[in-house]
């Protein structure tokens, strides 16, 4: 089942976005030479610079983010070492709920919603991946407000 369908399985749909996602990923020292660029200085001389972070707009950037997030969440699971059950469950769920920098999930009730937001925010923000623009469906709200998630209106 694809993420676009999975995130609507439960009663409350929740989404968030990682703030400045590509700037949070450092490059290995030996890889920085592959991301050089030239610039004329104020003195008119040509200078070269190197990027230290993943470049927004580079073809490989989404791949790097998509492969980094599950690895990071796996490290978090190892750190938890089965400590708190609901935290482990939420981190496990997060591993399958990202599309590039968008977190798309669903929960059964409002208590799970608050736990999901708290745990996801705490663990990812501690690793410089701040989740922002949280949106979720209001199970008691009969309003006709809609939002757009990956081109799908819900």
N, C-alpha and C. Protein backbone atom coordinates (compact mmCIF):
# COMPACT_ATOMS: atom_id res chain seq x y z
N UNK A 1 0.85 -1.17 0.00
CA UNK A 1 0.00 0.00 0.00
C UNK A 1 0.89 1.24 0.00
N UNK A 2 0.57 2.22 -0.83
CA UNK A 2 1.41 3.41 -0.94
C UNK A 2 1.14 4.39 0.20
N UNK A 3 2.08 5.28 0.43
CA UNK A 3 1.98 6.26 1.51
C UNK A 3 0.74 7.13 1.37
N UNK A 4 0.38 7.48 0.13
CA UNK A 4 -0.80 8.30 -0.11
C UNK A 4 -2.09 7.67 0.38
N UNK A 5 -2.12 6.35 0.42
CA UNK A 5 -3.30 5.63 0.92
C UNK A 5 -3.14 5.33 2.41
N UNK A 6 -1.94 4.93 2.82
CA UNK A 6 -1.70 4.54 4.22
C UNK A 6 -1.98 5.66 5.20
N UNK A 7 -1.68 6.89 4.80
CA UNK A 7 -1.81 7.97 5.78
C UNK A 7 -3.26 8.31 6.07
N UNK A 8 -4.21 7.66 5.38
CA UNK A 8 -5.62 7.92 5.63
C UNK A 8 -6.32 6.72 6.26
N UNK A 9 -5.58 5.77 6.80
CA UNK A 9 -6.17 4.55 7.35
C UNK A 9 -6.93 4.78 8.66
N UNK A 10 -6.48 5.69 9.48
CA UNK A 10 -7.10 5.91 10.78
C UNK A 10 -7.98 7.15 10.78
N UNK A 11 -8.61 7.38 11.90
CA UNK A 11 -9.62 8.44 12.04
C UNK A 11 -9.07 9.85 11.84
N UNK A 12 -7.87 10.11 12.37
CA UNK A 12 -7.30 11.46 12.31
C UNK A 12 -6.06 11.43 11.42
N UNK A 13 -6.07 12.27 10.41
CA UNK A 13 -4.94 12.40 9.49
C UNK A 13 -4.06 13.54 9.98
N UNK A 14 -2.74 13.33 9.95
CA UNK A 14 -1.81 14.34 10.44
C UNK A 14 -0.65 14.49 9.45
N UNK A 15 -0.23 15.73 9.24
CA UNK A 15 0.91 15.98 8.34
C UNK A 15 1.79 17.09 8.92
N UNK A 16 3.06 17.04 8.54
CA UNK A 16 4.02 18.07 8.95
C UNK A 16 5.13 18.11 7.90
N UNK A 17 5.94 19.14 8.00
CA UNK A 17 7.01 19.38 7.04
C UNK A 17 8.29 19.63 7.82
N UNK A 18 9.43 19.16 7.31
CA UNK A 18 10.71 19.42 7.96
C UNK A 18 11.21 20.80 7.52
N UNK A 19 11.55 21.63 8.50
CA UNK A 19 12.03 22.99 8.23
C UNK A 19 13.47 22.95 7.71
N UNK A 20 13.71 23.60 6.58
CA UNK A 20 15.05 23.72 5.98
C UNK A 20 15.77 22.38 5.97
N UNK A 21 15.07 21.37 5.46
CA UNK A 21 15.55 19.99 5.53
C UNK A 21 16.93 19.76 4.95
N UNK A 22 17.21 20.30 3.78
CA UNK A 22 18.49 20.00 3.14
C UNK A 22 19.66 20.67 3.87
N UNK A 23 19.42 21.81 4.47
CA UNK A 23 20.50 22.50 5.19
C UNK A 23 20.86 21.81 6.50
N UNK A 24 20.07 20.83 6.90
CA UNK A 24 20.36 20.11 8.14
C UNK A 24 21.27 18.90 7.93
N UNK A 25 21.58 18.59 6.67
CA UNK A 25 22.39 17.41 6.36
C UNK A 25 23.80 17.86 6.00
N UNK A 26 24.74 17.51 6.84
CA UNK A 26 26.15 17.84 6.58
C UNK A 26 26.73 16.85 5.58
N UNK A 27 27.70 17.32 4.83
CA UNK A 27 28.43 16.46 3.90
C UNK A 27 29.67 15.90 4.58
N UNK A 28 30.06 14.71 4.17
CA UNK A 28 31.34 14.18 4.63
C UNK A 28 32.45 15.09 4.12
N UNK A 29 33.50 15.22 4.89
CA UNK A 29 34.61 16.10 4.52
C UNK A 29 35.14 15.78 3.12
N UNK A 30 35.30 14.50 2.82
CA UNK A 30 35.87 14.11 1.52
C UNK A 30 34.91 14.38 0.36
N UNK A 31 33.63 14.58 0.63
CA UNK A 31 32.66 14.85 -0.44
C UNK A 31 32.49 16.33 -0.74
N UNK A 32 33.00 17.18 0.09
CA UNK A 32 32.82 18.62 -0.10
C UNK A 32 33.48 19.14 -1.37
N UNK A 33 34.54 18.48 -1.81
CA UNK A 33 35.22 18.91 -3.03
C UNK A 33 34.36 18.70 -4.27
N UNK A 34 33.37 17.82 -4.19
CA UNK A 34 32.49 17.59 -5.34
C UNK A 34 31.44 18.68 -5.48
N UNK A 35 31.29 19.50 -4.47
CA UNK A 35 30.30 20.58 -4.51
C UNK A 35 30.97 21.94 -4.43
N UNK A 36 31.97 22.13 -5.27
CA UNK A 36 32.65 23.42 -5.36
C UNK A 36 31.89 24.34 -6.31
N UNK A 37 32.06 25.63 -6.10
CA UNK A 37 31.55 26.59 -7.07
C UNK A 37 32.49 27.79 -7.12
N UNK A 38 32.47 28.44 -8.26
CA UNK A 38 33.36 29.58 -8.48
C UNK A 38 32.59 30.88 -8.28
N UNK A 39 33.33 31.90 -7.79
CA UNK A 39 32.70 33.19 -7.54
C UNK A 39 33.75 34.28 -7.68
N UNK A 40 33.36 35.37 -8.29
CA UNK A 40 34.29 36.50 -8.36
C UNK A 40 34.21 37.28 -7.06
N UNK A 41 35.35 37.50 -6.44
CA UNK A 41 35.41 38.27 -5.21
C UNK A 41 35.28 39.75 -5.51
N UNK A 42 35.22 40.57 -4.48
CA UNK A 42 35.11 42.02 -4.65
C UNK A 42 36.35 42.60 -5.30
N UNK A 43 37.46 41.88 -5.20
CA UNK A 43 38.69 42.33 -5.83
C UNK A 43 38.79 41.91 -7.30
N UNK A 44 37.77 41.22 -7.82
CA UNK A 44 37.74 40.79 -9.21
C UNK A 44 38.42 39.47 -9.47
N UNK A 45 39.03 38.89 -8.44
CA UNK A 45 39.69 37.60 -8.61
C UNK A 45 38.70 36.46 -8.45
N UNK A 46 38.94 35.42 -9.22
CA UNK A 46 38.11 34.23 -9.17
C UNK A 46 38.47 33.40 -7.94
N UNK A 47 37.45 33.07 -7.14
CA UNK A 47 37.66 32.27 -5.93
C UNK A 47 36.79 31.03 -6.01
N UNK A 48 37.19 29.99 -5.32
CA UNK A 48 36.33 28.82 -5.28
C UNK A 48 35.90 28.57 -3.83
N UNK A 49 34.69 28.12 -3.72
CA UNK A 49 34.09 27.81 -2.42
C UNK A 49 33.57 26.38 -2.46
N UNK A 50 33.31 25.83 -1.28
CA UNK A 50 32.75 24.48 -1.18
C UNK A 50 31.52 24.51 -0.29
N UNK A 51 30.54 23.74 -0.68
CA UNK A 51 29.36 23.59 0.16
C UNK A 51 29.68 22.63 1.30
N UNK A 52 29.11 22.90 2.46
CA UNK A 52 29.28 22.03 3.62
C UNK A 52 27.99 21.28 3.93
N UNK A 53 26.91 21.67 3.27
CA UNK A 53 25.59 21.06 3.48
C UNK A 53 25.04 20.60 2.15
N UNK A 54 24.03 19.75 2.20
CA UNK A 54 23.37 19.30 0.98
C UNK A 54 22.73 20.51 0.31
N UNK A 55 22.87 20.59 -0.99
CA UNK A 55 22.41 21.75 -1.75
C UNK A 55 20.95 21.58 -2.14
N UNK A 56 20.13 22.57 -1.83
CA UNK A 56 18.74 22.58 -2.26
C UNK A 56 18.72 22.71 -3.78
N UNK A 57 17.96 21.85 -4.44
CA UNK A 57 17.85 21.93 -5.89
C UNK A 57 18.77 20.98 -6.65
N UNK A 58 19.74 20.40 -5.96
CA UNK A 58 20.60 19.41 -6.63
C UNK A 58 19.78 18.15 -6.88
N UNK A 59 20.06 17.47 -7.96
CA UNK A 59 19.31 16.26 -8.32
C UNK A 59 19.36 15.20 -7.23
N UNK A 60 20.48 15.08 -6.56
CA UNK A 60 20.64 14.03 -5.55
C UNK A 60 20.05 14.40 -4.18
N UNK A 61 19.70 15.65 -3.96
CA UNK A 61 19.27 16.09 -2.63
C UNK A 61 18.07 15.33 -2.08
N UNK A 62 16.98 15.16 -2.84
CA UNK A 62 15.85 14.38 -2.29
C UNK A 62 16.24 12.95 -1.93
N UNK A 63 17.07 12.32 -2.76
CA UNK A 63 17.52 10.96 -2.45
C UNK A 63 18.28 10.93 -1.13
N UNK A 64 19.18 11.89 -0.93
CA UNK A 64 19.96 11.92 0.30
C UNK A 64 19.06 12.07 1.52
N UNK A 65 18.05 12.91 1.42
CA UNK A 65 17.12 13.10 2.53
C UNK A 65 16.30 11.84 2.77
N UNK A 66 15.78 11.25 1.70
CA UNK A 66 14.94 10.06 1.81
C UNK A 66 15.73 8.88 2.40
N UNK A 67 17.00 8.79 2.10
CA UNK A 67 17.79 7.69 2.65
C UNK A 67 18.30 7.99 4.05
N UNK A 68 18.44 9.26 4.40
CA UNK A 68 18.94 9.63 5.72
C UNK A 68 17.90 9.47 6.82
N UNK A 69 16.65 9.81 6.54
CA UNK A 69 15.62 9.79 7.59
C UNK A 69 15.41 8.39 8.19
N UNK A 70 15.21 7.35 7.40
CA UNK A 70 15.05 6.02 8.02
C UNK A 70 16.28 5.58 8.82
N UNK A 71 17.47 5.92 8.33
CA UNK A 71 18.69 5.58 9.07
C UNK A 71 18.74 6.32 10.41
N UNK A 72 18.37 7.58 10.40
CA UNK A 72 18.34 8.35 11.64
C UNK A 72 17.32 7.77 12.62
N UNK A 73 16.14 7.42 12.12
CA UNK A 73 15.11 6.86 12.99
C UNK A 73 15.52 5.48 13.53
N UNK A 74 16.26 4.73 12.75
CA UNK A 74 16.77 3.44 13.22
C UNK A 74 17.78 3.65 14.36
N UNK A 75 18.62 4.68 14.24
CA UNK A 75 19.55 5.00 15.33
C UNK A 75 18.80 5.41 16.59
N UNK A 76 17.72 6.16 16.43
CA UNK A 76 16.90 6.56 17.58
C UNK A 76 16.31 5.32 18.26
N UNK A 77 15.83 4.37 17.46
CA UNK A 77 15.28 3.13 18.03
C UNK A 77 16.34 2.37 18.82
N UNK A 78 17.55 2.34 18.33
CA UNK A 78 18.63 1.67 19.05
C UNK A 78 18.93 2.38 20.36
N UNK A 79 18.87 3.72 20.34
CA UNK A 79 19.09 4.49 21.57
C UNK A 79 18.01 4.19 22.60
N UNK A 80 16.76 4.09 22.13
CA UNK A 80 15.65 3.81 23.04
C UNK A 80 15.77 2.41 23.64
N UNK A 81 16.26 1.48 22.86
CA UNK A 81 16.48 0.11 23.31
C UNK A 81 15.23 -0.47 23.99
N UNK A 82 14.06 -0.19 23.43
CA UNK A 82 12.82 -0.74 23.97
C UNK A 82 12.35 -0.07 25.24
N UNK A 83 12.89 1.10 25.59
CA UNK A 83 12.55 1.77 26.85
C UNK A 83 11.07 2.05 27.03
N UNK A 84 10.52 2.92 26.24
CA UNK A 84 9.12 3.31 26.40
C UNK A 84 8.34 2.82 25.19
N UNK A 85 7.35 1.99 25.44
CA UNK A 85 6.62 1.31 24.37
C UNK A 85 6.02 2.28 23.36
N UNK A 86 5.28 3.30 23.81
CA UNK A 86 4.61 4.16 22.83
C UNK A 86 5.61 4.97 22.00
N UNK A 87 6.74 5.31 22.59
CA UNK A 87 7.75 6.04 21.82
C UNK A 87 8.32 5.16 20.71
N UNK A 88 8.59 3.91 21.03
CA UNK A 88 9.11 2.98 20.02
C UNK A 88 8.09 2.81 18.90
N UNK A 89 6.82 2.66 19.25
CA UNK A 89 5.77 2.50 18.24
C UNK A 89 5.70 3.72 17.32
N UNK A 90 5.80 4.90 17.88
CA UNK A 90 5.72 6.13 17.08
C UNK A 90 6.94 6.26 16.18
N UNK A 91 8.13 5.97 16.70
CA UNK A 91 9.35 6.04 15.88
C UNK A 91 9.26 5.01 14.75
N UNK A 92 8.76 3.81 15.05
CA UNK A 92 8.57 2.78 14.01
C UNK A 92 7.61 3.30 12.94
N UNK A 93 6.54 3.93 13.36
CA UNK A 93 5.56 4.48 12.42
C UNK A 93 6.20 5.58 11.57
N UNK A 94 7.00 6.43 12.19
CA UNK A 94 7.65 7.53 11.45
C UNK A 94 8.55 7.01 10.33
N UNK A 95 9.19 5.87 10.55
CA UNK A 95 10.09 5.31 9.53
C UNK A 95 9.37 5.08 8.20
N UNK A 96 8.07 4.86 8.26
CA UNK A 96 7.31 4.54 7.05
C UNK A 96 6.42 5.70 6.60
N UNK A 97 6.54 6.86 7.22
CA UNK A 97 5.59 7.94 6.99
C UNK A 97 6.18 9.21 6.39
N UNK A 98 7.34 9.12 5.79
CA UNK A 98 7.93 10.30 5.16
C UNK A 98 7.93 10.17 3.66
N UNK A 99 7.58 11.26 3.00
CA UNK A 99 7.78 11.39 1.57
C UNK A 99 8.65 12.62 1.41
N UNK A 100 9.91 12.42 1.12
CA UNK A 100 10.96 13.43 1.11
C UNK A 100 10.92 14.17 2.45
N UNK A 101 10.42 15.41 2.51
CA UNK A 101 10.42 16.15 3.78
C UNK A 101 9.03 16.25 4.41
N UNK A 102 8.06 15.52 3.88
CA UNK A 102 6.69 15.55 4.39
C UNK A 102 6.41 14.31 5.23
N UNK A 103 5.94 14.54 6.44
CA UNK A 103 5.51 13.45 7.31
C UNK A 103 4.00 13.33 7.15
N UNK A 104 3.53 12.15 6.76
CA UNK A 104 2.10 11.90 6.54
C UNK A 104 1.70 10.67 7.32
N UNK A 105 0.82 10.84 8.29
CA UNK A 105 0.44 9.71 9.14
C UNK A 105 -1.03 9.83 9.52
N UNK A 106 -1.50 8.83 10.22
CA UNK A 106 -2.84 8.89 10.78
C UNK A 106 -2.84 8.19 12.13
N UNK A 107 -3.72 8.63 12.99
CA UNK A 107 -3.83 8.07 14.33
C UNK A 107 -5.29 7.81 14.65
N UNK A 108 -5.54 6.98 15.68
CA UNK A 108 -6.90 6.55 15.99
C UNK A 108 -7.72 7.56 16.79
N UNK A 109 -7.03 8.32 17.66
CA UNK A 109 -7.79 9.23 18.53
C UNK A 109 -6.93 10.45 18.89
N UNK A 110 -7.53 11.35 19.64
CA UNK A 110 -6.84 12.60 19.97
C UNK A 110 -5.66 12.40 20.92
N UNK A 111 -5.73 11.42 21.80
CA UNK A 111 -4.60 11.12 22.67
C UNK A 111 -3.40 10.66 21.85
N UNK A 112 -3.63 9.74 20.90
CA UNK A 112 -2.55 9.30 20.01
C UNK A 112 -2.00 10.45 19.17
N UNK A 113 -2.88 11.37 18.77
CA UNK A 113 -2.45 12.54 18.00
C UNK A 113 -1.46 13.37 18.80
N UNK A 114 -1.80 13.67 20.05
CA UNK A 114 -0.91 14.48 20.89
C UNK A 114 0.40 13.76 21.16
N UNK A 115 0.34 12.44 21.40
CA UNK A 115 1.56 11.67 21.62
C UNK A 115 2.43 11.64 20.36
N UNK A 116 1.80 11.45 19.21
CA UNK A 116 2.54 11.40 17.94
C UNK A 116 3.26 12.73 17.70
N UNK A 117 2.54 13.83 17.83
CA UNK A 117 3.15 15.14 17.60
C UNK A 117 4.28 15.40 18.59
N UNK A 118 4.07 15.07 19.86
CA UNK A 118 5.08 15.32 20.89
C UNK A 118 6.33 14.49 20.66
N UNK A 119 6.17 13.19 20.45
CA UNK A 119 7.32 12.31 20.28
C UNK A 119 8.07 12.63 18.99
N UNK A 120 7.34 12.78 17.89
CA UNK A 120 7.98 13.09 16.60
C UNK A 120 8.74 14.41 16.70
N UNK A 121 8.12 15.42 17.28
CA UNK A 121 8.77 16.73 17.41
C UNK A 121 10.01 16.65 18.30
N UNK A 122 9.87 16.02 19.46
CA UNK A 122 10.98 15.94 20.41
C UNK A 122 12.20 15.23 19.81
N UNK A 123 11.98 14.07 19.24
CA UNK A 123 13.11 13.28 18.76
C UNK A 123 13.75 13.88 17.51
N UNK A 124 12.96 14.41 16.61
CA UNK A 124 13.55 14.97 15.39
C UNK A 124 14.14 16.36 15.62
N UNK A 125 13.50 17.17 16.44
CA UNK A 125 14.05 18.50 16.74
C UNK A 125 15.39 18.37 17.46
N UNK A 126 15.52 17.37 18.33
CA UNK A 126 16.79 17.15 19.03
C UNK A 126 17.91 16.82 18.05
N UNK A 127 17.55 16.39 16.85
CA UNK A 127 18.53 16.06 15.81
C UNK A 127 18.51 17.08 14.69
N UNK A 128 18.04 18.28 14.99
CA UNK A 128 18.02 19.42 14.06
C UNK A 128 17.07 19.26 12.88
N UNK A 129 16.09 18.39 12.99
CA UNK A 129 15.06 18.25 11.95
C UNK A 129 13.72 18.68 12.56
N UNK A 130 13.49 19.96 12.53
CA UNK A 130 12.29 20.52 13.16
C UNK A 130 11.06 20.29 12.28
N UNK A 131 10.08 19.59 12.83
CA UNK A 131 8.81 19.41 12.13
C UNK A 131 7.96 20.65 12.37
N UNK A 132 7.37 21.17 11.30
CA UNK A 132 6.59 22.41 11.41
C UNK A 132 5.33 22.29 10.54
N UNK A 133 4.52 23.30 10.57
CA UNK A 133 3.29 23.35 9.78
C UNK A 133 2.42 22.12 10.01
N UNK A 134 2.28 21.74 11.27
CA UNK A 134 1.44 20.59 11.61
C UNK A 134 0.00 20.86 11.18
N UNK A 135 -0.59 19.91 10.51
CA UNK A 135 -2.00 19.98 10.16
C UNK A 135 -2.61 18.63 10.47
N UNK A 136 -3.84 18.65 10.95
CA UNK A 136 -4.52 17.38 11.19
C UNK A 136 -6.02 17.59 11.04
N UNK A 137 -6.68 16.50 10.70
CA UNK A 137 -8.13 16.57 10.53
C UNK A 137 -8.78 16.64 11.90
N UNK A 138 -9.80 17.44 11.99
CA UNK A 138 -10.53 17.59 13.25
C UNK A 138 -11.68 16.58 13.24
N UNK A 139 -11.63 15.54 14.06
CA UNK A 139 -12.70 14.55 14.03
C UNK A 139 -14.06 15.08 14.47
N UNK A 140 -14.06 16.17 15.24
CA UNK A 140 -15.34 16.71 15.71
C UNK A 140 -15.77 17.93 14.92
N UNK A 141 -14.94 18.38 14.01
CA UNK A 141 -15.21 19.59 13.24
C UNK A 141 -15.96 19.24 11.96
N UNK A 142 -17.11 19.85 11.75
CA UNK A 142 -17.90 19.60 10.55
C UNK A 142 -17.64 20.65 9.47
N UNK A 143 -16.60 21.46 9.65
CA UNK A 143 -16.31 22.52 8.67
C UNK A 143 -15.84 21.91 7.36
N UNK A 144 -15.91 22.69 6.32
CA UNK A 144 -15.52 22.20 5.01
C UNK A 144 -14.11 22.66 4.63
N UNK A 145 -13.27 22.96 5.63
CA UNK A 145 -11.91 23.39 5.31
C UNK A 145 -11.12 22.22 4.74
N UNK A 146 -10.27 22.52 3.78
CA UNK A 146 -9.45 21.49 3.14
C UNK A 146 -8.00 21.92 3.14
N UNK A 147 -7.13 20.96 2.90
CA UNK A 147 -5.71 21.24 2.76
C UNK A 147 -5.17 20.37 1.63
N UNK A 148 -4.01 20.72 1.15
CA UNK A 148 -3.40 20.02 0.04
C UNK A 148 -2.18 19.26 0.54
N UNK A 149 -2.15 17.95 0.32
CA UNK A 149 -1.02 17.12 0.71
C UNK A 149 -0.53 16.37 -0.51
N UNK A 150 0.67 16.70 -0.97
CA UNK A 150 1.26 16.06 -2.15
C UNK A 150 0.32 16.12 -3.35
N UNK A 151 -0.39 17.22 -3.48
CA UNK A 151 -1.29 17.41 -4.61
C UNK A 151 -2.67 16.81 -4.42
N UNK A 152 -2.91 16.19 -3.27
CA UNK A 152 -4.22 15.60 -2.98
C UNK A 152 -4.95 16.49 -1.97
N UNK A 153 -6.17 16.84 -2.28
CA UNK A 153 -6.97 17.65 -1.35
C UNK A 153 -7.64 16.72 -0.35
N UNK A 154 -7.51 17.04 0.94
CA UNK A 154 -8.20 16.27 1.98
C UNK A 154 -8.71 17.19 3.05
